[in-house]
Amino acid sequence: MSDIGVGAVLGELRSAWHARDADRYLALLSDDVDVVNRGGQRLVGKAAFREQLNWLLDKGFPEIFTAEHTVESIREIGPGAAVVQESRVEPNRRSIATYLLVERDGRWLVESISI
């Protein structure tokens, strides 16, 4: 496993998130991504997450998109699989996001996000 590859994906996710660029963010996720959002809602698949993300963008929740993200750990759990823990600090709350990334055809994709 290459921490550089996984770290680069997390950096690109963070950049796309702060830019509020849904297409660029979603391009880094697998089609069947599993997401548990900060409200505890489970979203299955990229289409469901796209709908939630577009809702957040339309409603204008700026604190979500300006949160400070810090990768706390990157851990290989098997060949082509890694778990990342990231802390998030918003003006009025803190959270931890856990990502599962898998490598497919030399490219790392996010399979799961739990906040």
PDB file of N, CA and C in Angstrom:
ATOM      1  N   MET A   1       0.851  -1.190   0.000  1.00  0.00           N
ATOM      2  CA  MET A   1       0.000   0.000   0.000  1.00  0.00           C
ATOM      3  C   MET A   1       0.882   1.233   0.000  1.00  0.00           C
ATOM      4  N   SER A   2       0.414   2.250  -0.665  1.00  0.00           N
ATOM      5  CA  SER A   2       1.124   3.513  -0.676  1.00  0.00           C
ATOM      6  C   SER A   2       0.330   4.559   0.099  1.00  0.00           C
ATOM      7  N   ASP A   3       0.895   5.021   1.227  1.00  0.00           N
ATOM      8  CA  ASP A   3       0.251   6.103   1.978  1.00  0.00           C
ATOM      9  C   ASP A   3       0.112   7.344   1.103  1.00  0.00           C
ATOM     10  N   ILE A   4       1.053   7.511   0.178  1.00  0.00           N
ATOM     11  CA  ILE A   4       1.005   8.677  -0.701  1.00  0.00           C
ATOM     12  C   ILE A   4      -0.256   8.636  -1.558  1.00  0.00           C
ATOM     13  N   GLY A   5      -0.579   7.482  -2.108  1.00  0.00           N
ATOM     14  CA  GLY A   5      -1.787   7.364  -2.920  1.00  0.00           C
ATOM     15  C   GLY A   5      -3.047   7.613  -2.115  1.00  0.00           C
ATOM     16  N   VAL A   6      -3.154   7.005  -0.946  1.00  0.00           N
ATOM     17  CA  VAL A   6      -4.312   7.200  -0.085  1.00  0.00           C
ATOM     18  C   VAL A   6      -4.354   8.644   0.402  1.00  0.00           C
ATOM     19  N   GLY A   7      -3.218   9.154   0.831  1.00  0.00           N
ATOM     20  CA  GLY A   7      -3.157  10.544   1.292  1.00  0.00           C
ATOM     21  C   GLY A   7      -3.535  11.525   0.197  1.00  0.00           C
ATOM     22  N   ALA A   8      -3.136  11.232  -1.034  1.00  0.00           N
ATOM     23  CA  ALA A   8      -3.480  12.103  -2.159  1.00  0.00           C
ATOM     24  C   ALA A   8      -4.989  12.110  -2.395  1.00  0.00           C
ATOM     25  N   VAL A   9      -5.627  10.952  -2.270  1.00  0.00           N
ATOM     26  CA  VAL A   9      -7.075  10.876  -2.440  1.00  0.00           C
ATOM     27  C   VAL A   9      -7.767  11.710  -1.354  1.00  0.00           C
ATOM     28  N   LEU A  10      -7.299  11.582  -0.112  1.00  0.00           N
ATOM     29  CA  LEU A  10      -7.900  12.367   0.973  1.00  0.00           C
ATOM     30  C   LEU A  10      -7.683  13.864   0.756  1.00  0.00           C
ATOM     31  N   GLY A  11      -6.526  14.237   0.258  1.00  0.00           N
ATOM     32  CA  GLY A  11      -6.262  15.643  -0.047  1.00  0.00           C
ATOM     33  C   GLY A  11      -7.185  16.163  -1.141  1.00  0.00           C
ATOM     34  N   GLU A  12      -7.401  15.350  -2.150  1.00  0.00           N
ATOM     35  CA  GLU A  12      -8.304  15.740  -3.244  1.00  0.00           C
ATOM     36  C   GLU A  12      -9.749  15.805  -2.751  1.00  0.00           C
ATOM     37  N   LEU A  13     -10.157  14.859  -1.897  1.00  0.00           N
ATOM     38  CA  LEU A  13     -11.497  14.915  -1.303  1.00  0.00           C
ATOM     39  C   LEU A  13     -11.695  16.226  -0.543  1.00  0.00           C
ATOM     40  N   ARG A  14     -10.719  16.545   0.296  1.00  0.00           N
ATOM     41  CA  ARG A  14     -10.791  17.770   1.101  1.00  0.00           C
ATOM     42  C   ARG A  14     -10.856  19.007   0.207  1.00  0.00           C
ATOM     43  N   SER A  15     -10.043  19.034  -0.820  1.00  0.00           N
ATOM     44  CA  SER A  15     -10.029  20.169  -1.744  1.00  0.00           C
ATOM     45  C   SER A  15     -11.370  20.329  -2.450  1.00  0.00           C
ATOM     46  N   ALA A  16     -11.914  19.220  -2.944  1.00  0.00           N
ATOM     47  CA  ALA A  16     -13.215  19.260  -3.623  1.00  0.00           C
ATOM     48  C   ALA A  16     -14.323  19.674  -2.657  1.00  0.00           C
ATOM     49  N   TRP A  17     -14.264  19.180  -1.422  1.00  0.00           N
ATOM     50  CA  TRP A  17     -15.263  19.516  -0.401  1.00  0.00           C
ATOM     51  C   TRP A  17     -15.259  21.009  -0.118  1.00  0.00           C
ATOM     52  N   HIS A  18     -14.077  21.569   0.133  1.00  0.00           N
ATOM     53  CA  HIS A  18     -13.969  23.002   0.433  1.00  0.00           C
ATOM     54  C   HIS A  18     -14.383  23.862  -0.765  1.00  0.00           C
ATOM     55  N   ALA A  19     -14.151  23.353  -1.969  1.00  0.00           N
ATOM     56  CA  ALA A  19     -14.548  24.074  -3.182  1.00  0.00           C
ATOM     57  C   ALA A  19     -16.028  23.880  -3.503  1.00  0.00           C
ATOM     58  N   ARG A  20     -16.680  23.003  -2.749  1.00  0.00           N
ATOM     59  CA  ARG A  20     -18.095  22.672  -2.978  1.00  0.00           C
ATOM     60  C   ARG A  20     -18.315  22.119  -4.386  1.00  0.00           C
ATOM     61  N   ASP A  21     -17.351  21.323  -4.821  1.00  0.00           N
ATOM     62  CA  ASP A  21     -17.366  20.734  -6.159  1.00  0.00           C
ATOM     63  C   ASP A  21     -17.838  19.285  -6.053  1.00  0.00           C
ATOM     64  N   ALA A  22     -19.136  19.093  -6.133  1.00  0.00           N
ATOM     65  CA  ALA A  22     -19.737  17.764  -5.946  1.00  0.00           C
ATOM     66  C   ALA A  22     -19.219  16.755  -6.960  1.00  0.00           C
ATOM     67  N   ASP A  23     -19.095  17.139  -8.207  1.00  0.00           N
ATOM     68  CA  ASP A  23     -18.647  16.190  -9.235  1.00  0.00           C
ATOM     69  C   ASP A  23     -17.228  15.705  -8.958  1.00  0.00           C
ATOM     70  N   ARG A  24     -16.339  16.612  -8.613  1.00  0.00           N
ATOM     71  CA  ARG A  24     -14.946  16.235  -8.332  1.00  0.00           C
ATOM     72  C   ARG A  24     -14.875  15.349  -7.083  1.00  0.00           C
ATOM     73  N   TYR A  25     -15.677  15.673  -6.066  1.00  0.00           N
ATOM     74  CA  TYR A  25     -15.717  14.873  -4.841  1.00  0.00           C
ATOM     75  C   TYR A  25     -16.230  13.463  -5.141  1.00  0.00           C
ATOM     76  N   LEU A  26     -17.344  13.384  -5.837  1.00  0.00           N
ATOM     77  CA  LEU A  26     -17.977  12.093  -6.116  1.00  0.00           C
ATOM     78  C   LEU A  26     -17.138  11.217  -7.040  1.00  0.00           C
ATOM     79  N   ALA A  27     -16.286  11.815  -7.871  1.00  0.00           N
ATOM     80  CA  ALA A  27     -15.425  11.045  -8.770  1.00  0.00           C
ATOM     81  C   ALA A  27     -14.438  10.173  -7.996  1.00  0.00           C
ATOM     82  N   LEU A  28     -14.209  10.479  -6.727  1.00  0.00           N
ATOM     83  CA  LEU A  28     -13.265   9.731  -5.906  1.00  0.00           C
ATOM     84  C   LEU A  28     -13.935   8.610  -5.110  1.00  0.00           C
ATOM     85  N   LEU A  29     -15.240   8.444  -5.286  1.00  0.00           N
ATOM     86  CA  LEU A  29     -16.022   7.436  -4.574  1.00  0.00           C
ATOM     87  C   LEU A  29     -16.411   6.305  -5.518  1.00  0.00           C
ATOM     88  N   SER A  30     -16.508   5.108  -4.968  1.00  0.00           N
ATOM     89  CA  SER A  30     -16.995   3.983  -5.779  1.00  0.00           C
ATOM     90  C   SER A  30     -18.484   4.183  -6.037  1.00  0.00           C
ATOM     91  N   ASP A  31     -18.992   3.554  -7.071  1.00  0.00           N
ATOM     92  CA  ASP A  31     -20.412   3.692  -7.404  1.00  0.00           C
ATOM     93  C   ASP A  31     -21.319   3.175  -6.299  1.00  0.00           C
ATOM     94  N   ASP A  32     -20.839   2.177  -5.557  1.00  0.00           N
ATOM     95  CA  ASP A  32     -21.659   1.592  -4.500  1.00  0.00           C
ATOM     96  C   ASP A  32     -21.207   2.033  -3.100  1.00  0.00           C
ATOM     97  N   VAL A  33     -20.676   3.241  -3.009  1.00  0.00           N
ATOM     98  CA  VAL A  33     -20.202   3.776  -1.732  1.00  0.00           C
ATOM     99  C   VAL A  33     -21.309   3.722  -0.680  1.00  0.00           C
ATOM    100  N   ASP A  34     -20.905   3.474   0.543  1.00  0.00           N
ATOM    101  CA  ASP A  34     -21.796   3.468   1.703  1.00  0.00           C
ATOM    102  C   ASP A  34     -21.427   4.672   2.556  1.00  0.00           C
ATOM    103  N   VAL A  35     -22.380   5.535   2.875  1.00  0.00           N
ATOM    104  CA  VAL A  35     -22.093   6.734   3.661  1.00  0.00           C
ATOM    105  C   VAL A  35     -23.054   6.813   4.843  1.00  0.00           C
ATOM    106  N   VAL A  36     -22.494   7.026   6.033  1.00  0.00           N
ATOM    107  CA  VAL A  36     -23.300   7.378   7.192  1.00  0.00           C
ATOM    108  C   VAL A  36     -22.928   8.820   7.496  1.00  0.00           C
ATOM    109  N   ASN A  37     -23.897   9.736   7.300  1.00  0.00           N
ATOM    110  CA  ASN A  37     -23.598  11.157   7.443  1.00  0.00           C
ATOM    111  C   ASN A  37     -23.571  11.578   8.910  1.00  0.00           C
ATOM    112  N   ARG A  38     -23.272  12.828   9.146  1.00  0.00           N
ATOM    113  CA  ARG A  38     -23.121  13.307  10.520  1.00  0.00           C
ATOM    114  C   ARG A  38     -24.421  13.313  11.296  1.00  0.00           C
ATOM    115  N   GLY A  39     -25.552  13.159  10.616  1.00  0.00           N
ATOM    116  CA  GLY A  39     -26.840  13.044  11.286  1.00  0.00           C
ATOM    117  C   GLY A  39     -27.239  11.601  11.545  1.00  0.00           C
ATOM    118  N   GLY A  40     -26.386  10.641  11.139  1.00  0.00           N
ATOM    119  CA  GLY A  40     -26.664   9.232  11.361  1.00  0.00           C
ATOM    120  C   GLY A  40     -27.461   8.573  10.252  1.00  0.00           C
ATOM    121  N   GLN A  41     -27.736   9.300   9.182  1.00  0.00           N
ATOM    122  CA  GLN A  41     -28.489   8.750   8.056  1.00  0.00           C
ATOM    123  C   GLN A  41     -27.558   7.935   7.164  1.00  0.00           C
ATOM    124  N   ARG A  42     -28.001   6.754   6.759  1.00  0.00           N
ATOM    125  CA  ARG A  42     -27.213   5.898   5.869  1.00  0.00           C
ATOM    126  C   ARG A  42     -27.652   6.126   4.438  1.00  0.00           C
ATOM    127  N   LEU A  43     -26.680   6.371   3.579  1.00  0.00           N
ATOM    128  CA  LEU A  43     -26.905   6.587   2.153  1.00  0.00           C
ATOM    129  C   LEU A  43     -26.147   5.506   1.399  1.00  0.00           C
ATOM    130  N   VAL A  44     -26.842   4.766   0.561  1.00  0.00           N
ATOM    131  CA  VAL A  44     -26.235   3.651  -0.152  1.00  0.00           C
ATOM    132  C   VAL A  44     -26.121   4.006  -1.629  1.00  0.00           C
ATOM    133  N   GLY A  45     -24.898   4.050  -2.108  1.00  0.00           N
ATOM    134  CA  GLY A  45     -24.634   4.330  -3.518  1.00  0.00           C
ATOM    135  C   GLY A  45     -24.334   5.794  -3.784  1.00  0.00           C
ATOM    136  N   LYS A  46     -23.580   5.985  -4.844  1.00  0.00           N
ATOM    137  CA  LYS A  46     -23.157   7.335  -5.212  1.00  0.00           C
ATOM    138  C   LYS A  46     -24.348   8.230  -5.545  1.00  0.00           C
ATOM    139  N   ALA A  47     -25.380   7.696  -6.185  1.00  0.00           N
ATOM    140  CA  ALA A  47     -26.549   8.501  -6.548  1.00  0.00           C
ATOM    141  C   ALA A  47     -27.246   9.049  -5.302  1.00  0.00           C
ATOM    142  N   ALA A  48     -27.388   8.221  -4.270  1.00  0.00           N
ATOM    143  CA  ALA A  48     -28.022   8.674  -3.028  1.00  0.00           C
ATOM    144  C   ALA A  48     -27.171   9.737  -2.344  1.00  0.00           C
ATOM    145  N   PHE A  49     -25.859   9.544  -2.353  1.00  0.00           N
ATOM    146  CA  PHE A  49     -24.985  10.540  -1.724  1.00  0.00           C
ATOM    147  C   PHE A  49     -24.979  11.833  -2.530  1.00  0.00           C
ATOM    148  N   ARG A  50     -25.034  11.734  -3.853  1.00  0.00           N
ATOM    149  CA  ARG A  50     -25.104  12.930  -4.704  1.00  0.00           C
ATOM    150  C   ARG A  50     -26.346  13.751  -4.349  1.00  0.00           C
ATOM    151  N   GLU A  51     -27.466  13.071  -4.168  1.00  0.00           N
ATOM    152  CA  GLU A  51     -28.708  13.764  -3.814  1.00  0.00           C
ATOM    153  C   GLU A  51     -28.554  14.500  -2.480  1.00  0.00           C
ATOM    154  N   GLN A  52     -27.955  13.854  -1.485  1.00  0.00           N
ATOM    155  CA  GLN A  52     -27.729  14.481  -0.181  1.00  0.00           C
ATOM    156  C   GLN A  52     -26.768  15.656  -0.307  1.00  0.00           C
ATOM    157  N   LEU A  53     -25.700  15.466  -1.056  1.00  0.00           N
ATOM    158  CA  LEU A  53     -24.703  16.514  -1.236  1.00  0.00           C
ATOM    159  C   LEU A  53     -25.310  17.720  -1.938  1.00  0.00           C
ATOM    160  N   ASN A  54     -26.105  17.491  -2.964  1.00  0.00           N
ATOM    161  CA  ASN A  54     -26.766  18.599  -3.658  1.00  0.00           C
ATOM    162  C   ASN A  54     -27.729  19.331  -2.726  1.00  0.00           C
ATOM    163  N   TRP A  55     -28.423  18.600  -1.871  1.00  0.00           N
ATOM    164  CA  TRP A  55     -29.311  19.219  -0.885  1.00  0.00           C
ATOM    165  C   TRP A  55     -28.512  20.126   0.054  1.00  0.00           C
ATOM    166  N   LEU A  56     -27.365  19.637   0.541  1.00  0.00           N
ATOM    167  CA  LEU A  56     -26.517  20.448   1.420  1.00  0.00           C
ATOM    168  C   LEU A  56     -26.033  21.714   0.714  1.00  0.00           C
ATOM    169  N   LEU A  57     -25.647  21.567  -0.536  1.00  0.00           N
ATOM    170  CA  LEU A  57     -25.180  22.724  -1.304  1.00  0.00           C
ATOM    171  C   LEU A  57     -26.308  23.726  -1.530  1.00  0.00           C
ATOM    172  N   ASP A  58     -27.502  23.226  -1.844  1.00  0.00           N
ATOM    173  CA  ASP A  58     -28.646  24.105  -2.090  1.00  0.00           C
ATOM    174  C   ASP A  58     -29.104  24.824  -0.831  1.00  0.00           C
ATOM    175  N   LYS A  59     -29.044  24.157   0.315  1.00  0.00           N
ATOM    176  CA  LYS A  59     -29.507  24.734   1.575  1.00  0.00           C
ATOM    177  C   LYS A  59     -28.492  25.705   2.162  1.00  0.00           C
ATOM    178  N   GLY A  60     -27.266  25.634   1.700  1.00  0.00           N
ATOM    179  CA  GLY A  60     -26.243  26.566   2.144  1.00  0.00           C
ATOM    180  C   GLY A  60     -25.809  26.364   3.585  1.00  0.00           C
ATOM    181  N   PHE A  61     -25.201  25.252   3.874  1.00  0.00           N
ATOM    182  CA  PHE A  61     -24.644  24.985   5.188  1.00  0.00           C
ATOM    183  C   PHE A  61     -23.141  25.262   5.151  1.00  0.00           C
ATOM    184  N   PRO A  62     -22.738  26.520   5.197  1.00  0.00           N
ATOM    185  CA  PRO A  62     -21.323  26.857   4.996  1.00  0.00           C
ATOM    186  C   PRO A  62     -20.387  26.251   6.032  1.00  0.00           C
ATOM    187  N   GLU A  63     -20.845  26.047   7.260  1.00  0.00           N
ATOM    188  CA  GLU A  63     -19.956  25.511   8.286  1.00  0.00           C
ATOM    189  C   GLU A  63     -19.485  24.095   7.939  1.00  0.00           C
ATOM    190  N   ILE A  64     -20.281  23.351   7.228  1.00  0.00           N
ATOM    191  CA  ILE A  64     -19.883  22.001   6.827  1.00  0.00           C
ATOM    192  C   ILE A  64     -18.722  22.064   5.840  1.00  0.00           C
ATOM    193  N   PHE A  65     -18.793  22.994   4.926  1.00  0.00           N
ATOM    194  CA  PHE A  65     -17.808  23.069   3.846  1.00  0.00           C
ATOM    195  C   PHE A  65     -16.551  23.846   4.219  1.00  0.00           C
ATOM    196  N   THR A  66     -16.564  24.495   5.379  1.00  0.00           N
ATOM    197  CA  THR A  66     -15.380  25.230   5.825  1.00  0.00           C
ATOM    198  C   THR A  66     -14.692  24.535   6.994  1.00  0.00           C
ATOM    199  N   ALA A  67     -15.151  23.363   7.370  1.00  0.00           N
ATOM    200  CA  ALA A  67     -14.572  22.628   8.493  1.00  0.00           C
ATOM    201  C   ALA A  67     -13.088  22.353   8.256  1.00  0.00           C
ATOM    202  N   GLU A  68     -12.349  22.336   9.338  1.00  0.00           N
ATOM    203  CA  GLU A  68     -10.934  21.976   9.288  1.00  0.00           C
ATOM    204  C   GLU A  68     -10.839  20.453   9.351  1.00  0.00           C
ATOM    205  N   HIS A  69     -10.180  19.840   8.374  1.00  0.00           N
ATOM    206  CA  HIS A  69     -10.043  18.379   8.297  1.00  0.00           C
ATOM    207  C   HIS A  69      -8.582  18.021   8.546  1.00  0.00           C
ATOM    208  N   THR A  70      -8.352  17.061   9.439  1.00  0.00           N
ATOM    209  CA  THR A  70      -6.996  16.600   9.731  1.00  0.00           C
ATOM    210  C   THR A  70      -6.969  15.079   9.693  1.00  0.00           C
ATOM    211  N   VAL A  71      -6.146  14.510   8.826  1.00  0.00           N
ATOM    212  CA  VAL A  71      -5.993  13.053   8.786  1.00  0.00           C
ATOM    213  C   VAL A  71      -5.216  12.645  10.028  1.00  0.00           C
ATOM    214  N   GLU A  72      -5.827  11.794  10.838  1.00  0.00           N
ATOM    215  CA  GLU A  72      -5.210  11.327  12.080  1.00  0.00           C
ATOM    216  C   GLU A  72      -4.440  10.032  11.877  1.00  0.00           C
ATOM    217  N   SER A  73      -4.959   9.155  11.011  1.00  0.00           N
ATOM    218  CA  SER A  73      -4.244   7.909  10.759  1.00  0.00           C
ATOM    219  C   SER A  73      -4.650   7.311   9.419  1.00  0.00           C
ATOM    220  N   ILE A  74      -3.682   6.624   8.827  1.00  0.00           N
ATOM    221  CA  ILE A  74      -3.903   5.821   7.625  1.00  0.00           C
ATOM    222  C   ILE A  74      -3.368   4.441   7.958  1.00  0.00           C
ATOM    223  N   ARG A  75      -4.241   3.445   7.859  1.00  0.00           N
ATOM    224  CA  ARG A  75      -3.866   2.095   8.259  1.00  0.00           C
ATOM    225  C   ARG A  75      -4.193   1.092   7.160  1.00  0.00           C
ATOM    226  N   GLU A  76      -3.185   0.335   6.739  1.00  0.00           N
ATOM    227  CA  GLU A  76      -3.426  -0.746   5.784  1.00  0.00           C
ATOM    228  C   GLU A  76      -4.114  -1.885   6.520  1.00  0.00           C
ATOM    229  N   ILE A  77      -5.206  -2.386   5.961  1.00  0.00           N
ATOM    230  CA  ILE A  77      -5.904  -3.507   6.590  1.00  0.00           C
ATOM    231  C   ILE A  77      -5.821  -4.772   5.742  1.00  0.00           C
ATOM    232  N   GLY A  78      -5.195  -4.674   4.603  1.00  0.00           N
ATOM    233  CA  GLY A  78      -4.999  -5.808   3.707  1.00  0.00           C
ATOM    234  C   GLY A  78      -4.487  -5.279   2.381  1.00  0.00           C
ATOM    235  N   PRO A  79      -4.112  -6.163   1.476  1.00  0.00           N
ATOM    236  CA  PRO A  79      -3.632  -5.711   0.173  1.00  0.00           C
ATOM    237  C   PRO A  79      -4.710  -4.879  -0.538  1.00  0.00           C
ATOM    238  N   GLY A  80      -4.374  -3.656  -0.882  1.00  0.00           N
ATOM    239  CA  GLY A  80      -5.299  -2.799  -1.608  1.00  0.00           C
ATOM    240  C   GLY A  80      -6.464  -2.292  -0.789  1.00  0.00           C
ATOM    241  N   ALA A  81      -6.325  -2.270   0.527  1.00  0.00           N
ATOM    242  CA  ALA A  81      -7.398  -1.768   1.388  1.00  0.00           C
ATOM    243  C   ALA A  81      -6.796  -0.960   2.529  1.00  0.00           C
ATOM    244  N   ALA A  82      -7.405   0.185   2.822  1.00  0.00           N
ATOM    245  CA  ALA A  82      -6.906   1.047   3.888  1.00  0.00           C
ATOM    246  C   ALA A  82      -8.067   1.722   4.605  1.00  0.00           C
ATOM    247  N   VAL A  83      -7.862   1.970   5.893  1.00  0.00           N
ATOM    248  CA  VAL A  83      -8.811   2.716   6.702  1.00  0.00           C
ATOM    249  C   VAL A  83      -8.137   4.022   7.103  1.00  0.00           C
ATOM    250  N   VAL A  84      -8.884   5.097   6.967  1.00  0.00           N
ATOM    251  CA  VAL A  84      -8.377   6.426   7.319  1.00  0.00           C
ATOM    252  C   VAL A  84      -9.308   7.024   8.354  1.00  0.00           C
ATOM    253  N   GLN A  85      -8.721   7.615   9.391  1.00  0.00           N
ATOM    254  CA  GLN A  85      -9.506   8.376  10.356  1.00  0.00           C
ATOM    255  C   GLN A  85      -9.107   9.838  10.242  1.00  0.00           C
ATOM    256  N   GLU A  86     -10.131  10.682  10.220  1.00  0.00           N
ATOM    257  CA  GLU A  86      -9.937  12.113  10.014  1.00  0.00           C
ATOM    258  C   GLU A  86     -10.769  12.874  11.040  1.00  0.00           C
ATOM    259  N   SER A  87     -10.157  13.848  11.695  1.00  0.00           N
ATOM    260  CA  SER A  87     -10.926  14.701  12.599  1.00  0.00           C
ATOM    261  C   SER A  87     -11.431  15.900  11.815  1.00  0.00           C
ATOM    262  N   ARG A  88     -12.612  16.370  12.201  1.00  0.00           N
ATOM    263  CA  ARG A  88     -13.239  17.516  11.547  1.00  0.00           C
ATOM    264  C   ARG A  88     -13.658  18.509  12.620  1.00  0.00           C
ATOM    265  N   VAL A  89     -13.295  19.755  12.414  1.00  0.00           N
ATOM    266  CA  VAL A  89     -13.646  20.792  13.378  1.00  0.00           C
ATOM    267  C   VAL A  89     -14.417  21.883  12.653  1.00  0.00           C
ATOM    268  N   GLU A  90     -15.656  22.075  13.083  1.00  0.00           N
ATOM    269  CA  GLU A  90     -16.513  23.143  12.578  1.00  0.00           C
ATOM    270  C   GLU A  90     -16.649  24.178  13.690  1.00  0.00           C
ATOM    271  N   PRO A  91     -17.208  25.329  13.398  1.00  0.00           N
ATOM    272  CA  PRO A  91     -17.355  26.330  14.453  1.00  0.00           C
ATOM    273  C   PRO A  91     -18.126  25.830  15.686  1.00  0.00           C
ATOM    274  N   ASN A  92     -19.133  24.980  15.502  1.00  0.00           N
ATOM    275  CA  ASN A  92     -19.971  24.567  16.635  1.00  0.00           C
ATOM    276  C   ASN A  92     -19.981  23.075  16.915  1.00  0.00           C
ATOM    277  N   ARG A  93     -19.110  22.320  16.281  1.00  0.00           N
ATOM    278  CA  ARG A  93     -19.083  20.877  16.545  1.00  0.00           C
ATOM    279  C   ARG A  93     -17.789  20.261  16.055  1.00  0.00           C
ATOM    280  N   ARG A  94     -17.513  19.086  16.582  1.00  0.00           N
ATOM    281  CA  ARG A  94     -16.369  18.275  16.167  1.00  0.00           C
ATOM    282  C   ARG A  94     -16.888  16.899  15.800  1.00  0.00           C
ATOM    283  N   SER A  95     -16.200  16.248  14.884  1.00  0.00           N
ATOM    284  CA  SER A  95     -16.584  14.888  14.517  1.00  0.00           C
ATOM    285  C   SER A  95     -15.352  14.137  14.032  1.00  0.00           C
ATOM    286  N   ILE A  96     -15.515  12.841  13.909  1.00  0.00           N
ATOM    287  CA  ILE A  96     -14.482  11.966  13.347  1.00  0.00           C
ATOM    288  C   ILE A  96     -15.096  11.264  12.145  1.00  0.00           C
ATOM    289  N   ALA A  97     -14.386  11.271  11.048  1.00  0.00           N
ATOM    290  CA  ALA A  97     -14.820  10.538   9.855  1.00  0.00           C
ATOM    291  C   ALA A  97     -13.882   9.350   9.671  1.00  0.00           C
ATOM    292  N   THR A  98     -14.467   8.206   9.357  1.00  0.00           N
ATOM    293  CA  THR A  98     -13.692   7.012   9.052  1.00  0.00           C
ATOM    294  C   THR A  98     -13.992   6.620   7.610  1.00  0.00           C
ATOM    295  N   TYR A  99     -12.934   6.456   6.830  1.00  0.00           N
ATOM    296  CA  TYR A  99     -13.044   6.114   5.417  1.00  0.00           C
ATOM    297  C   TYR A  99     -12.455   4.722   5.193  1.00  0.00           C
ATOM    298  N   LEU A 100     -13.090   3.963   4.331  1.00  0.00           N
ATOM    299  CA  LEU A 100     -12.514   2.724   3.825  1.00  0.00           C
ATOM    300  C   LEU A 100     -12.195   2.977   2.359  1.00  0.00           C
ATOM    301  N   LEU A 101     -10.937   2.795   1.994  1.00  0.00           N
ATOM    302  CA  LEU A 101     -10.509   2.966   0.602  1.00  0.00           C
ATOM    303  C   LEU A 101     -10.013   1.640   0.069  1.00  0.00           C
ATOM    304  N   VAL A 102     -10.289   1.385  -1.200  1.00  0.00           N
ATOM    305  CA  VAL A 102      -9.791   0.185  -1.869  1.00  0.00           C
ATOM    306  C   VAL A 102      -9.086   0.605  -3.150  1.00  0.00           C
ATOM    307  N   GLU A 103      -8.102  -0.182  -3.511  1.00  0.00           N
ATOM    308  CA  GLU A 103      -7.353   0.087  -4.732  1.00  0.00           C
ATOM    309  C   GLU A 103      -7.874  -0.833  -5.827  1.00  0.00           C
ATOM    310  N   ARG A 104      -8.310  -0.214  -6.921  1.00  0.00           N
ATOM    311  CA  ARG A 104      -8.814  -0.965  -8.072  1.00  0.00           C
ATOM    312  C   ARG A 104      -8.103  -0.457  -9.318  1.00  0.00           C
ATOM    313  N   ASP A 105      -7.481  -1.370 -10.013  1.00  0.00           N
ATOM    314  CA  ASP A 105      -6.768  -1.009 -11.246  1.00  0.00           C
ATOM    315  C   ASP A 105      -5.793   0.143 -11.016  1.00  0.00           C
ATOM    316  N   GLY A 106      -5.092   0.098  -9.884  1.00  0.00           N
ATOM    317  CA  GLY A 106      -4.087   1.105  -9.576  1.00  0.00           C
ATOM    318  C   GLY A 106      -4.634   2.436  -9.095  1.00  0.00           C
ATOM    319  N   ARG A 107      -5.921   2.504  -8.826  1.00  0.00           N
ATOM    320  CA  ARG A 107      -6.561   3.752  -8.400  1.00  0.00           C
ATOM    321  C   ARG A 107      -7.290   3.528  -7.075  1.00  0.00           C
ATOM    322  N   TRP A 108      -7.066   4.410  -6.113  1.00  0.00           N
ATOM    323  CA  TRP A 108      -7.738   4.335  -4.823  1.00  0.00           C
ATOM    324  C   TRP A 108      -9.107   5.003  -4.913  1.00  0.00           C
ATOM    325  N   LEU A 109     -10.137   4.304  -4.406  1.00  0.00           N
ATOM    326  CA  LEU A 109     -11.510   4.841  -4.362  1.00  0.00           C
ATOM    327  C   LEU A 109     -12.057   4.685  -2.950  1.00  0.00           C
ATOM    328  N   VAL A 110     -12.918   5.600  -2.567  1.00  0.00           N
ATOM    329  CA  VAL A 110     -13.571   5.531  -1.276  1.00  0.00           C
ATOM    330  C   VAL A 110     -14.775   4.594  -1.392  1.00  0.00           C
ATOM    331  N   GLU A 111     -14.798   3.565  -0.553  1.00  0.00           N
ATOM    332  CA  GLU A 111     -15.886   2.585  -0.519  1.00  0.00           C
ATOM    333  C   GLU A 111     -16.898   2.913   0.573  1.00  0.00           C
ATOM    334  N   SER A 112     -16.419   3.565   1.637  1.00  0.00           N
ATOM    335  CA  SER A 112     -17.292   3.824   2.772  1.00  0.00           C
ATOM    336  C   SER A 112     -16.822   5.050   3.525  1.00  0.00           C
ATOM    337  N   ILE A 113     -17.802   5.842   4.007  1.00  0.00           N
ATOM    338  CA  ILE A 113     -17.527   6.991   4.871  1.00  0.00           C
ATOM    339  C   ILE A 113     -18.515   6.923   6.025  1.00  0.00           C
ATOM    340  N   SER A 114     -18.010   6.997   7.245  1.00  0.00           N
ATOM    341  CA  SER A 114     -18.864   7.071   8.434  1.00  0.00           C
ATOM    342  C   SER A 114     -18.409   8.260   9.258  1.00  0.00           C
ATOM    343  N   ILE A 115     -19.351   9.142   9.579  1.00  0.00           N
ATOM    344  CA  ILE A 115     -19.018  10.348  10.347  1.00  0.00           C
ATOM    345  C   ILE A 115     -19.699  10.254  11.703  1.00  0.00           C
TER     346      ILE A 115
END
